[in-house]
């Protein structure tokens, strides 16, 4: 029970999306594992916390974050290969490595194990966003929203990013603003929102988003984003980076 309580506290911090909360989430997951070394779900969640560090980790490289996540996911798989969350985090690792086919295979397995797995469909939408297949991604995220009508902020991020990729900027902006309302400290939402504001001609609000991002992560640059964002379509990548440069990010 104590290990599970620590795990739940970790999930609570993980869901808040700030850098500080991500650190605390790792600590609670690790504490739960220390008490219950065969706690597969805690290993999977700790792996997820390390994949999040790809974008908002502090002082740790993308490759190191993914290597740690992959090792933890393997351990979780050994303990319980039928746990959907194990395949979910394996999908995230493959996604950030740019292996979209493997990522989609892993998330499909997660959904096969749990057909009502809304987060699995949301991750499918996210993978399809990076893979340059936004129309398909919208179908996936809409299925996630159908399954989980209490829409978390990350779903609005995924759907907003997909609309931004499709150059449906007004809708992208609306959704990303809703994501910020739910998770004000979620830097990645602000990155996409800054780009959407530029595309909408709203440079003042874009600049303010950049200031907020840099106040939380001063080392954020376009070079950093290029290194960590697994964008397949070079035209989309160029547009995204151009919009962020106009918002005020340096190289």
C-alpha atoms as a PDB file:
ATOM      1  CA  UNK A   1       0.000   0.000   0.000  1.00  0.00           C
ATOM      2  CA  UNK A   2       2.795   2.429   0.850  1.00  0.00           C
ATOM      3  CA  UNK A   3       4.477   1.818  -2.500  1.00  0.00           C
ATOM      4  CA  UNK A   4       1.179   2.381  -4.312  1.00  0.00           C
ATOM      5  CA  UNK A   5       0.554   5.605  -2.375  1.00  0.00           C
ATOM      6  CA  UNK A   6       4.008   6.867  -3.401  1.00  0.00           C
ATOM      7  CA  UNK A   7       3.214   5.892  -6.990  1.00  0.00           C
ATOM      8  CA  UNK A   8      -0.051   7.866  -6.901  1.00  0.00           C
ATOM      9  CA  UNK A   9       1.760  10.912  -5.526  1.00  0.00           C
ATOM     10  CA  UNK A  10       4.212  10.558  -8.395  1.00  0.00           C
ATOM     11  CA  UNK A  11       1.362  10.459 -10.902  1.00  0.00           C
ATOM     12  CA  UNK A  12      -0.117  13.600  -9.374  1.00  0.00           C
ATOM     13  CA  UNK A  13       3.136  15.515  -9.833  1.00  0.00           C
ATOM     14  CA  UNK A  14       3.663  14.019 -13.292  1.00  0.00           C
ATOM     15  CA  UNK A  15       0.273  15.332 -14.401  1.00  0.00           C
ATOM     16  CA  UNK A  16       1.125  18.895 -13.389  1.00  0.00           C
ATOM     17  CA  UNK A  17       3.721  19.127 -16.183  1.00  0.00           C
ATOM     18  CA  UNK A  18       6.141  21.622 -14.657  1.00  0.00           C
ATOM     19  CA  UNK A  19       9.874  20.918 -14.512  1.00  0.00           C
ATOM     20  CA  UNK A  20       9.841  20.871 -10.717  1.00  0.00           C
ATOM     21  CA  UNK A  21       6.884  18.497 -10.640  1.00  0.00           C
ATOM     22  CA  UNK A  22       8.603  16.162 -13.103  1.00  0.00           C
ATOM     23  CA  UNK A  23      11.578  15.932 -10.733  1.00  0.00           C
ATOM     24  CA  UNK A  24       9.264  15.171  -7.820  1.00  0.00           C
ATOM     25  CA  UNK A  25       7.391  12.575  -9.875  1.00  0.00           C
ATOM     26  CA  UNK A  26      10.656  10.720 -10.514  1.00  0.00           C
ATOM     27  CA  UNK A  27      11.492  10.786  -6.815  1.00  0.00           C
ATOM     28  CA  UNK A  28       8.126   9.315  -5.819  1.00  0.00           C
ATOM     29  CA  UNK A  29       8.275   6.612  -8.504  1.00  0.00           C
ATOM     30  CA  UNK A  30      11.805   5.699  -7.395  1.00  0.00           C
ATOM     31  CA  UNK A  31      10.683   5.565  -3.759  1.00  0.00           C
ATOM     32  CA  UNK A  32       7.828   3.236  -4.699  1.00  0.00           C
ATOM     33  CA  UNK A  33      10.209   0.949  -6.589  1.00  0.00           C
ATOM     34  CA  UNK A  34      12.597   0.889  -3.620  1.00  0.00           C
ATOM     35  CA  UNK A  35       9.784  -0.516  -1.468  1.00  0.00           C
ATOM     36  CA  UNK A  36       8.309  -2.796  -4.165  1.00  0.00           C
ATOM     37  CA  UNK A  37      11.075  -3.786  -6.633  1.00  0.00           C
ATOM     38  CA  UNK A  38       8.621  -5.716  -8.850  1.00  0.00           C
ATOM     39  CA  UNK A  39       6.199  -2.786  -9.289  1.00  0.00           C
ATOM     40  CA  UNK A  40       5.973  -2.808 -13.109  1.00  0.00           C
ATOM     41  CA  UNK A  41       3.680   0.208 -13.411  1.00  0.00           C
ATOM     42  CA  UNK A  42       6.094   2.330 -11.353  1.00  0.00           C
ATOM     43  CA  UNK A  43       8.963   1.377 -13.679  1.00  0.00           C
ATOM     44  CA  UNK A  44       6.850   2.302 -16.708  1.00  0.00           C
ATOM     45  CA  UNK A  45       5.876   5.638 -15.170  1.00  0.00           C
ATOM     46  CA  UNK A  46       9.463   6.412 -14.207  1.00  0.00           C
ATOM     47  CA  UNK A  47      10.440   5.664 -17.798  1.00  0.00           C
ATOM     48  CA  UNK A  48       7.787   8.130 -18.968  1.00  0.00           C
ATOM     49  CA  UNK A  49       9.181  10.792 -16.662  1.00  0.00           C
ATOM     50  CA  UNK A  50      12.540  10.331 -18.360  1.00  0.00           C
ATOM     51  CA  UNK A  51      11.030  10.616 -21.845  1.00  0.00           C
ATOM     52  CA  UNK A  52       9.505  13.928 -20.774  1.00  0.00           C
ATOM     53  CA  UNK A  53      13.014  15.105 -19.940  1.00  0.00           C
ATOM     54  CA  UNK A  54      13.771  14.976 -23.682  1.00  0.00           C
ATOM     55  CA  UNK A  55      11.989  18.341 -23.930  1.00  0.00           C
ATOM     56  CA  UNK A  56      12.119  19.786 -20.459  1.00  0.00           C
ATOM     57  CA  UNK A  57      14.863  17.956 -18.602  1.00  0.00           C
ATOM     58  CA  UNK A  58      17.499  19.984 -16.841  1.00  0.00           C
ATOM     59  CA  UNK A  59      21.148  19.207 -17.384  1.00  0.00           C
ATOM     60  CA  UNK A  60      20.519  15.834 -19.088  1.00  0.00           C
ATOM     61  CA  UNK A  61      20.894  15.078 -22.780  1.00  0.00           C
ATOM     62  CA  UNK A  62      18.211  13.721 -25.080  1.00  0.00           C
ATOM     63  CA  UNK A  63      20.190  10.523 -25.692  1.00  0.00           C
ATOM     64  CA  UNK A  64      20.772   9.894 -22.005  1.00  0.00           C
ATOM     65  CA  UNK A  65      17.094  10.510 -21.178  1.00  0.00           C
ATOM     66  CA  UNK A  66      16.003   8.036 -23.846  1.00  0.00           C
ATOM     67  CA  UNK A  67      18.583   5.440 -22.812  1.00  0.00           C
ATOM     68  CA  UNK A  68      17.369   5.559 -19.200  1.00  0.00           C
ATOM     69  CA  UNK A  69      13.718   5.400 -20.303  1.00  0.00           C
ATOM     70  CA  UNK A  70      14.429   2.451 -22.585  1.00  0.00           C
ATOM     71  CA  UNK A  71      16.179   0.528 -19.796  1.00  0.00           C
ATOM     72  CA  UNK A  72      13.302   1.151 -17.383  1.00  0.00           C
ATOM     73  CA  UNK A  73      10.735   0.160 -20.019  1.00  0.00           C
ATOM     74  CA  UNK A  74      12.580  -3.125 -20.603  1.00  0.00           C
ATOM     75  CA  UNK A  75      12.471  -3.833 -16.860  1.00  0.00           C
ATOM     76  CA  UNK A  76       8.734  -3.090 -16.755  1.00  0.00           C
ATOM     77  CA  UNK A  77       8.209  -5.359 -19.777  1.00  0.00           C
ATOM     78  CA  UNK A  78      10.057  -8.212 -18.027  1.00  0.00           C
ATOM     79  CA  UNK A  79       7.804  -7.792 -15.004  1.00  0.00           C
ATOM     80  CA  UNK A  80       4.478  -7.501 -16.872  1.00  0.00           C
ATOM     81  CA  UNK A  81       4.415  -7.572 -20.656  1.00  0.00           C
ATOM     82  CA  UNK A  82       0.621  -7.214 -20.676  1.00  0.00           C
ATOM     83  CA  UNK A  83       0.696  -3.796 -19.019  1.00  0.00           C
ATOM     84  CA  UNK A  84      -0.479  -1.217 -21.611  1.00  0.00           C
ATOM     85  CA  UNK A  85       1.665   1.508 -20.045  1.00  0.00           C
ATOM     86  CA  UNK A  86       4.805  -0.524 -20.829  1.00  0.00           C
ATOM     87  CA  UNK A  87       4.034  -0.432 -24.538  1.00  0.00           C
ATOM     88  CA  UNK A  88       2.991   3.221 -24.258  1.00  0.00           C
ATOM     89  CA  UNK A  89       6.402   4.316 -22.980  1.00  0.00           C
ATOM     90  CA  UNK A  90       8.174   2.096 -25.524  1.00  0.00           C
ATOM     91  CA  UNK A  91       6.181   3.968 -28.173  1.00  0.00           C
ATOM     92  CA  UNK A  92       7.334   7.308 -26.770  1.00  0.00           C
ATOM     93  CA  UNK A  93      10.979   6.248 -26.839  1.00  0.00           C
ATOM     94  CA  UNK A  94      10.676   5.082 -30.459  1.00  0.00           C
ATOM     95  CA  UNK A  95       8.884   8.305 -31.390  1.00  0.00           C
ATOM     96  CA  UNK A  96      11.645  10.504 -29.988  1.00  0.00           C
ATOM     97  CA  UNK A  97      14.197   8.385 -31.822  1.00  0.00           C
ATOM     98  CA  UNK A  98      12.304   9.115 -35.054  1.00  0.00           C
ATOM     99  CA  UNK A  99      11.245   5.483 -35.545  1.00  0.00           C
ATOM    100  CA  UNK A 100       7.593   6.239 -36.240  1.00  0.00           C
ATOM    101  CA  UNK A 101       6.706   2.732 -37.483  1.00  0.00           C
ATOM    102  CA  UNK A 102       7.981   1.115 -34.288  1.00  0.00           C
ATOM    103  CA  UNK A 103       6.261   3.796 -32.198  1.00  0.00           C
ATOM    104  CA  UNK A 104       2.920   3.122 -33.876  1.00  0.00           C
ATOM    105  CA  UNK A 105       3.400  -0.634 -33.452  1.00  0.00           C
ATOM    106  CA  UNK A 106       4.037  -0.220 -29.722  1.00  0.00           C
ATOM    107  CA  UNK A 107       1.051   2.064 -29.177  1.00  0.00           C
ATOM    108  CA  UNK A 108      -1.183  -0.250 -31.216  1.00  0.00           C
ATOM    109  CA  UNK A 109      -0.180  -3.057 -28.863  1.00  0.00           C
ATOM    110  CA  UNK A 110      -1.081  -0.872 -25.871  1.00  0.00           C
ATOM    111  CA  UNK A 111      -4.525  -0.207 -27.363  1.00  0.00           C
ATOM    112  CA  UNK A 112      -4.958  -3.895 -28.205  1.00  0.00           C
ATOM    113  CA  UNK A 113      -4.359  -4.705 -24.531  1.00  0.00           C
ATOM    114  CA  UNK A 114      -6.744  -1.944 -23.409  1.00  0.00           C
ATOM    115  CA  UNK A 115      -9.200  -0.890 -26.159  1.00  0.00           C
ATOM    116  CA  UNK A 116     -10.532   1.990 -24.038  1.00  0.00           C
ATOM    117  CA  UNK A 117      -6.999   3.422 -23.577  1.00  0.00           C
ATOM    118  CA  UNK A 118      -7.626   7.078 -24.391  1.00  0.00           C
ATOM    119  CA  UNK A 119      -4.021   8.076 -23.731  1.00  0.00           C
ATOM    120  CA  UNK A 120      -2.923   5.461 -26.253  1.00  0.00           C
ATOM    121  CA  UNK A 121      -5.003   7.124 -28.957  1.00  0.00           C
ATOM    122  CA  UNK A 122      -3.674  10.530 -27.901  1.00  0.00           C
ATOM    123  CA  UNK A 123      -0.111   9.255 -28.239  1.00  0.00           C
ATOM    124  CA  UNK A 124      -0.990   7.887 -31.675  1.00  0.00           C
ATOM    125  CA  UNK A 125      -2.043  11.417 -32.640  1.00  0.00           C
ATOM    126  CA  UNK A 126       1.227  12.820 -31.293  1.00  0.00           C
ATOM    127  CA  UNK A 127       3.324  10.267 -33.188  1.00  0.00           C
ATOM    128  CA  UNK A 128       1.392  11.007 -36.382  1.00  0.00           C
ATOM    129  CA  UNK A 129       1.988  14.737 -35.855  1.00  0.00           C
ATOM    130  CA  UNK A 130       5.770  14.269 -35.792  1.00  0.00           C
ATOM    131  CA  UNK A 131       5.578  11.732 -38.625  1.00  0.00           C
ATOM    132  CA  UNK A 132       3.962  14.264 -40.975  1.00  0.00           C
ATOM    133  CA  UNK A 133       0.523  12.618 -41.048  1.00  0.00           C
ATOM    134  CA  UNK A 134      -1.639  15.268 -39.326  1.00  0.00           C
ATOM    135  CA  UNK A 135      -5.005  14.347 -40.874  1.00  0.00           C
ATOM    136  CA  UNK A 136      -4.670  10.815 -39.480  1.00  0.00           C
ATOM    137  CA  UNK A 137      -3.457  12.289 -36.228  1.00  0.00           C
ATOM    138  CA  UNK A 138      -6.671  14.268 -35.839  1.00  0.00           C
ATOM    139  CA  UNK A 139      -8.725  11.075 -36.113  1.00  0.00           C
ATOM    140  CA  UNK A 140      -6.617   9.516 -33.347  1.00  0.00           C
ATOM    141  CA  UNK A 141      -6.850  12.471 -30.952  1.00  0.00           C
ATOM    142  CA  UNK A 142     -10.599  12.785 -31.566  1.00  0.00           C
ATOM    143  CA  UNK A 143     -10.942   9.122 -30.562  1.00  0.00           C
ATOM    144  CA  UNK A 144      -8.980   9.895 -27.381  1.00  0.00           C
ATOM    145  CA  UNK A 145     -11.333  12.773 -26.579  1.00  0.00           C
ATOM    146  CA  UNK A 146     -14.355  10.547 -27.258  1.00  0.00           C
ATOM    147  CA  UNK A 147     -13.002   8.006 -24.762  1.00  0.00           C
ATOM    148  CA  UNK A 148     -11.949  10.601 -22.166  1.00  0.00           C
ATOM    149  CA  UNK A 149     -14.355  13.574 -22.260  1.00  0.00           C
ATOM    150  CA  UNK A 150     -12.562  15.129 -19.237  1.00  0.00           C
ATOM    151  CA  UNK A 151      -9.947  16.335 -21.674  1.00  0.00           C
ATOM    152  CA  UNK A 152      -6.487  16.816 -20.113  1.00  0.00           C
ATOM    153  CA  UNK A 153      -4.281  19.662 -21.257  1.00  0.00           C
ATOM    154  CA  UNK A 154      -1.952  17.386 -23.216  1.00  0.00           C
ATOM    155  CA  UNK A 155      -4.817  16.374 -25.528  1.00  0.00           C
ATOM    156  CA  UNK A 156      -5.372  20.038 -26.384  1.00  0.00           C
ATOM    157  CA  UNK A 157      -1.631  20.331 -27.058  1.00  0.00           C
ATOM    158  CA  UNK A 158      -1.679  17.381 -29.465  1.00  0.00           C
ATOM    159  CA  UNK A 159      -4.779  18.570 -31.279  1.00  0.00           C
ATOM    160  CA  UNK A 160      -3.521  22.161 -31.399  1.00  0.00           C
ATOM    161  CA  UNK A 161      -0.171  21.047 -32.822  1.00  0.00           C
ATOM    162  CA  UNK A 162      -1.946  18.983 -35.478  1.00  0.00           C
ATOM    163  CA  UNK A 163      -4.043  21.975 -36.541  1.00  0.00           C
ATOM    164  CA  UNK A 164      -0.919  24.149 -36.578  1.00  0.00           C
ATOM    165  CA  UNK A 165       0.782  21.582 -38.835  1.00  0.00           C
ATOM    166  CA  UNK A 166      -2.254  21.725 -41.148  1.00  0.00           C
ATOM    167  CA  UNK A 167      -2.008  25.559 -41.114  1.00  0.00           C
ATOM    168  CA  UNK A 168      -5.436  25.837 -39.488  1.00  0.00           C
ATOM    169  CA  UNK A 169      -4.072  28.536 -37.246  1.00  0.00           C
ATOM    170  CA  UNK A 170      -7.195  29.950 -35.593  1.00  0.00           C
ATOM    171  CA  UNK A 171      -8.230  26.517 -34.351  1.00  0.00           C
ATOM    172  CA  UNK A 172      -4.654  25.698 -33.321  1.00  0.00           C
ATOM    173  CA  UNK A 173      -4.487  28.895 -31.267  1.00  0.00           C
ATOM    174  CA  UNK A 174      -7.826  28.222 -29.570  1.00  0.00           C
ATOM    175  CA  UNK A 175      -6.811  24.715 -28.548  1.00  0.00           C
ATOM    176  CA  UNK A 176      -3.334  25.661 -27.369  1.00  0.00           C
ATOM    177  CA  UNK A 177      -4.768  28.465 -25.250  1.00  0.00           C
ATOM    178  CA  UNK A 178      -7.065  25.877 -23.613  1.00  0.00           C
ATOM    179  CA  UNK A 179      -4.018  23.670 -22.981  1.00  0.00           C
ATOM    180  CA  UNK A 180      -2.251  26.556 -21.216  1.00  0.00           C
ATOM    181  CA  UNK A 181      -5.329  27.198 -19.064  1.00  0.00           C
ATOM    182  CA  UNK A 182      -5.095  23.608 -17.829  1.00  0.00           C
ATOM    183  CA  UNK A 183      -1.288  23.430 -17.464  1.00  0.00           C
ATOM    184  CA  UNK A 184       0.241  26.938 -17.164  1.00  0.00           C
ATOM    185  CA  UNK A 185       3.736  25.532 -16.512  1.00  0.00           C
ATOM    186  CA  UNK A 186       3.790  23.202 -19.533  1.00  0.00           C
ATOM    187  CA  UNK A 187       6.552  24.772 -21.619  1.00  0.00           C
ATOM    188  CA  UNK A 188       5.987  22.711 -24.763  1.00  0.00           C
ATOM    189  CA  UNK A 189       2.464  24.116 -25.084  1.00  0.00           C
ATOM    190  CA  UNK A 190       3.913  27.626 -24.951  1.00  0.00           C
ATOM    191  CA  UNK A 191       6.372  26.734 -27.717  1.00  0.00           C
ATOM    192  CA  UNK A 192       3.559  25.752 -30.072  1.00  0.00           C
ATOM    193  CA  UNK A 193       1.423  28.670 -28.940  1.00  0.00           C
ATOM    194  CA  UNK A 194       4.239  31.130 -29.697  1.00  0.00           C
ATOM    195  CA  UNK A 195       4.516  29.650 -33.201  1.00  0.00           C
ATOM    196  CA  UNK A 196       0.735  29.807 -33.704  1.00  0.00           C
ATOM    197  CA  UNK A 197       0.605  33.443 -32.568  1.00  0.00           C
ATOM    198  CA  UNK A 198       3.296  34.356 -35.106  1.00  0.00           C
ATOM    199  CA  UNK A 199       1.419  32.533 -37.856  1.00  0.00           C
ATOM    200  CA  UNK A 200      -1.662  34.516 -36.810  1.00  0.00           C
ATOM    201  CA  UNK A 201       0.269  37.817 -36.966  1.00  0.00           C
ATOM    202  CA  UNK A 202       0.101  38.277 -33.194  1.00  0.00           C
ATOM    203  CA  UNK A 203       3.782  39.014 -32.512  1.00  0.00           C
ATOM    204  CA  UNK A 204       3.291  40.680 -29.126  1.00  0.00           C
ATOM    205  CA  UNK A 205       1.615  37.629 -27.588  1.00  0.00           C
ATOM    206  CA  UNK A 206       4.186  35.377 -29.253  1.00  0.00           C
ATOM    207  CA  UNK A 207       7.001  37.383 -27.685  1.00  0.00           C
ATOM    208  CA  UNK A 208       5.354  37.132 -24.275  1.00  0.00           C
ATOM    209  CA  UNK A 209       5.167  33.338 -24.600  1.00  0.00           C
ATOM    210  CA  UNK A 210       8.901  33.274 -25.360  1.00  0.00           C
ATOM    211  CA  UNK A 211       9.596  35.330 -22.225  1.00  0.00           C
ATOM    212  CA  UNK A 212       7.570  32.872 -20.151  1.00  0.00           C
ATOM    213  CA  UNK A 213       9.390  29.881 -21.643  1.00  0.00           C
ATOM    214  CA  UNK A 214      12.825  31.387 -21.054  1.00  0.00           C
ATOM    215  CA  UNK A 215      11.940  32.299 -17.489  1.00  0.00           C
ATOM    216  CA  UNK A 216      11.356  28.585 -16.841  1.00  0.00           C
ATOM    217  CA  UNK A 217      14.081  27.219 -19.141  1.00  0.00           C
ATOM    218  CA  UNK A 218      16.718  29.887 -19.966  1.00  0.00           C
ATOM    219  CA  UNK A 219      18.755  27.463 -22.083  1.00  0.00           C
ATOM    220  CA  UNK A 220      15.918  26.910 -24.584  1.00  0.00           C
ATOM    221  CA  UNK A 221      17.086  27.724 -28.141  1.00  0.00           C
ATOM    222  CA  UNK A 222      16.091  26.766 -31.673  1.00  0.00           C
ATOM    223  CA  UNK A 223      19.191  24.573 -31.883  1.00  0.00           C
ATOM    224  CA  UNK A 224      18.006  22.732 -28.779  1.00  0.00           C
ATOM    225  CA  UNK A 225      14.548  22.279 -30.322  1.00  0.00           C
ATOM    226  CA  UNK A 226      16.024  20.981 -33.585  1.00  0.00           C
ATOM    227  CA  UNK A 227      17.965  18.386 -31.605  1.00  0.00           C
ATOM    228  CA  UNK A 228      14.990  17.042 -29.651  1.00  0.00           C
ATOM    229  CA  UNK A 229      11.903  17.478 -31.877  1.00  0.00           C
ATOM    230  CA  UNK A 230      11.434  14.377 -34.074  1.00  0.00           C
ATOM    231  CA  UNK A 231       9.892  16.228 -37.044  1.00  0.00           C
ATOM    232  CA  UNK A 232       9.925  14.176 -40.252  1.00  0.00           C
ATOM    233  CA  UNK A 233       8.628  16.719 -42.789  1.00  0.00           C
ATOM    234  CA  UNK A 234      11.412  19.220 -43.612  1.00  0.00           C
ATOM    235  CA  UNK A 235       8.950  21.838 -44.882  1.00  0.00           C
ATOM    236  CA  UNK A 236       6.943  21.712 -41.665  1.00  0.00           C
ATOM    237  CA  UNK A 237      10.124  21.817 -39.610  1.00  0.00           C
ATOM    238  CA  UNK A 238      11.360  24.906 -41.469  1.00  0.00           C
ATOM    239  CA  UNK A 239       8.016  26.682 -41.009  1.00  0.00           C
ATOM    240  CA  UNK A 240       7.871  25.829 -37.319  1.00  0.00           C
ATOM    241  CA  UNK A 241      11.420  27.063 -36.679  1.00  0.00           C
ATOM    242  CA  UNK A 242      10.864  30.235 -38.741  1.00  0.00           C
ATOM    243  CA  UNK A 243       7.765  31.080 -36.741  1.00  0.00           C
ATOM    244  CA  UNK A 244       9.642  30.530 -33.483  1.00  0.00           C
ATOM    245  CA  UNK A 245      12.541  32.670 -34.658  1.00  0.00           C
ATOM    246  CA  UNK A 246      10.118  35.483 -35.430  1.00  0.00           C
ATOM    247  CA  UNK A 247       8.613  34.983 -31.951  1.00  0.00           C
ATOM    248  CA  UNK A 248      11.996  35.849 -30.456  1.00  0.00           C
ATOM    249  CA  UNK A 249      13.932  32.616 -29.907  1.00  0.00           C
ATOM    250  CA  UNK A 250      17.641  32.719 -30.658  1.00  0.00           C
ATOM    251  CA  UNK A 251      19.587  30.005 -32.399  1.00  0.00           C
END
